[in-house]
Amino acid sequence: MYVDEEPLDQKINRAIQEFQDKDADLVILTDMFGGSVNQKLMKLIDMSKVKVLTGINLPMLLEILTVNNDELDADRLNQIISQGREQMMFVNEYLVNADLEDDF
């Protein structure tokens, strides 16, 4: 969001307007809860067509990009978040406990 001189509020408002004109839901992904972008976007949560997710990792992003937009309801988004959490691990400990003969 900070790649040019355009104020963040203007970028957000433009994106929301584009999606409102299309009568589509807007799913916004942020990296860090409480970060500057996330704080600005949290003000939009009361909008029924805007969904803000934070703490996103690559598997979650890929899943969201491959799901049909009309399937991204609260239940599906929570399922994606749960699956994303399962992808997080401390690999060193995993390898100590894993049977190295097993496939990943």
Protein backbone atom coordinates (compact mmCIF):
# COMPACT_ATOMS: atom_id res chain seq x y z
CA MET A 1 0.00 0.00 0.00
CA TYR A 2 2.98 2.31 0.40
CA VAL A 3 4.59 2.04 -3.03
CA ASP A 4 3.81 5.58 -4.20
CA GLU A 5 2.82 8.99 -2.89
CA GLU A 6 -0.95 8.41 -3.04
CA PRO A 7 -2.43 8.57 0.48
CA LEU A 8 -3.60 5.26 1.87
CA ASP A 9 -7.14 6.54 2.49
CA GLN A 10 -7.50 7.43 -1.19
CA LYS A 11 -6.32 3.98 -2.31
CA ILE A 12 -8.76 2.29 0.04
CA ASN A 13 -11.68 4.47 -0.99
CA ARG A 14 -10.95 3.91 -4.69
CA ALA A 15 -10.82 0.12 -4.25
CA ILE A 16 -14.06 0.08 -2.28
CA GLN A 17 -15.81 2.25 -4.85
CA GLU A 18 -14.70 -0.04 -7.69
CA PHE A 19 -16.15 -3.08 -5.93
CA GLN A 20 -19.33 -1.33 -4.85
CA ASP A 21 -19.93 -0.36 -8.48
CA LYS A 22 -19.64 -4.05 -9.42
CA ASP A 23 -21.90 -5.09 -6.53
CA ALA A 24 -19.22 -7.54 -5.45
CA ASP A 25 -17.74 -8.49 -2.10
CA LEU A 26 -14.31 -7.12 -1.36
CA VAL A 27 -11.95 -9.42 0.54
CA ILE A 28 -8.96 -7.47 1.83
CA LEU A 29 -5.88 -9.31 3.04
CA THR A 30 -3.34 -7.73 5.35
CA ASP A 31 -0.10 -9.06 6.72
CA MET A 32 -0.26 -8.00 10.35
CA PHE A 33 -3.06 -7.34 12.81
CA GLY A 34 -2.55 -3.89 14.26
CA GLY A 35 -0.28 -2.75 11.43
CA SER A 36 -0.95 0.64 9.87
CA VAL A 37 -2.84 -0.74 6.87
CA ASN A 38 -4.86 -3.13 9.02
CA GLN A 39 -5.81 -0.33 11.42
CA LYS A 40 -7.19 1.78 8.57
CA LEU A 41 -9.10 -1.16 7.13
CA MET A 42 -10.60 -2.22 10.47
CA LYS A 43 -12.87 0.81 10.18
CA LEU A 44 -14.56 -0.90 7.22
CA ILE A 45 -15.57 -4.10 8.98
CA ASP A 46 -19.13 -2.89 9.54
CA MET A 47 -19.62 -2.77 5.78
CA SER A 48 -21.43 -5.96 4.77
CA LYS A 49 -19.56 -6.29 1.48
CA VAL A 50 -16.06 -5.79 2.96
CA LYS A 51 -14.21 -8.63 4.66
CA VAL A 52 -10.79 -7.98 6.22
CA LEU A 53 -8.44 -10.89 6.97
CA THR A 54 -5.07 -10.48 8.61
CA GLY A 55 -2.05 -12.66 9.31
CA ILE A 56 -2.24 -14.10 5.83
CA ASN A 57 0.26 -16.68 4.63
CA LEU A 58 0.91 -17.94 1.11
CA PRO A 59 -1.24 -21.10 1.31
CA MET A 60 -4.17 -18.97 2.51
CA LEU A 61 -3.65 -16.47 -0.28
CA LEU A 62 -3.55 -19.21 -2.90
CA GLU A 63 -6.71 -20.82 -1.52
CA ILE A 64 -8.58 -17.51 -1.52
CA LEU A 65 -7.50 -16.81 -5.09
CA THR A 66 -8.76 -20.18 -6.30
CA VAL A 67 -12.18 -20.12 -4.61
CA ASN A 68 -15.15 -18.67 -6.47
CA ASN A 69 -16.05 -15.26 -5.10
CA ASP A 70 -19.60 -16.35 -4.25
CA GLU A 71 -18.16 -19.14 -2.05
CA LEU A 72 -16.16 -16.77 0.16
CA ASP A 73 -18.68 -16.50 2.95
CA ALA A 74 -17.74 -16.34 6.63
CA ASP A 75 -17.73 -20.13 7.01
CA ARG A 76 -15.39 -20.65 4.06
CA LEU A 77 -13.06 -17.84 5.16
CA ASN A 78 -12.85 -19.35 8.66
CA GLN A 79 -12.06 -22.73 7.12
CA ILE A 80 -9.26 -21.17 5.06
CA ILE A 81 -7.87 -19.47 8.17
CA SER A 82 -7.93 -22.76 10.07
CA GLN A 83 -6.11 -24.54 7.23
CA GLY A 84 -3.56 -21.70 7.13
CA ARG A 85 -2.82 -22.19 10.81
CA GLU A 86 -2.19 -25.88 10.18
CA GLN A 87 0.50 -24.94 7.65
CA MET A 88 2.55 -23.19 10.33
CA MET A 89 5.19 -25.28 12.01
CA PHE A 90 8.66 -25.25 13.47
CA VAL A 91 10.39 -27.44 10.88
CA ASN A 92 13.34 -28.38 13.10
CA GLU A 93 11.05 -29.94 15.69
CA TYR A 94 8.94 -31.54 13.00
CA LEU A 95 11.97 -33.24 11.49
CA VAL A 96 13.17 -34.50 14.88
CA ASN A 97 9.81 -36.18 15.44
CA ALA A 98 9.13 -37.25 11.86
CA ASP A 99 9.85 -40.59 10.37
CA LEU A 100 12.26 -39.56 7.61
CA GLU A 101 11.10 -42.50 5.51
CA ASP A 102 7.59 -41.03 5.32
CA ASP A 103 6.66 -38.69 2.52
CA PHE A 104 5.87 -35.12 3.42
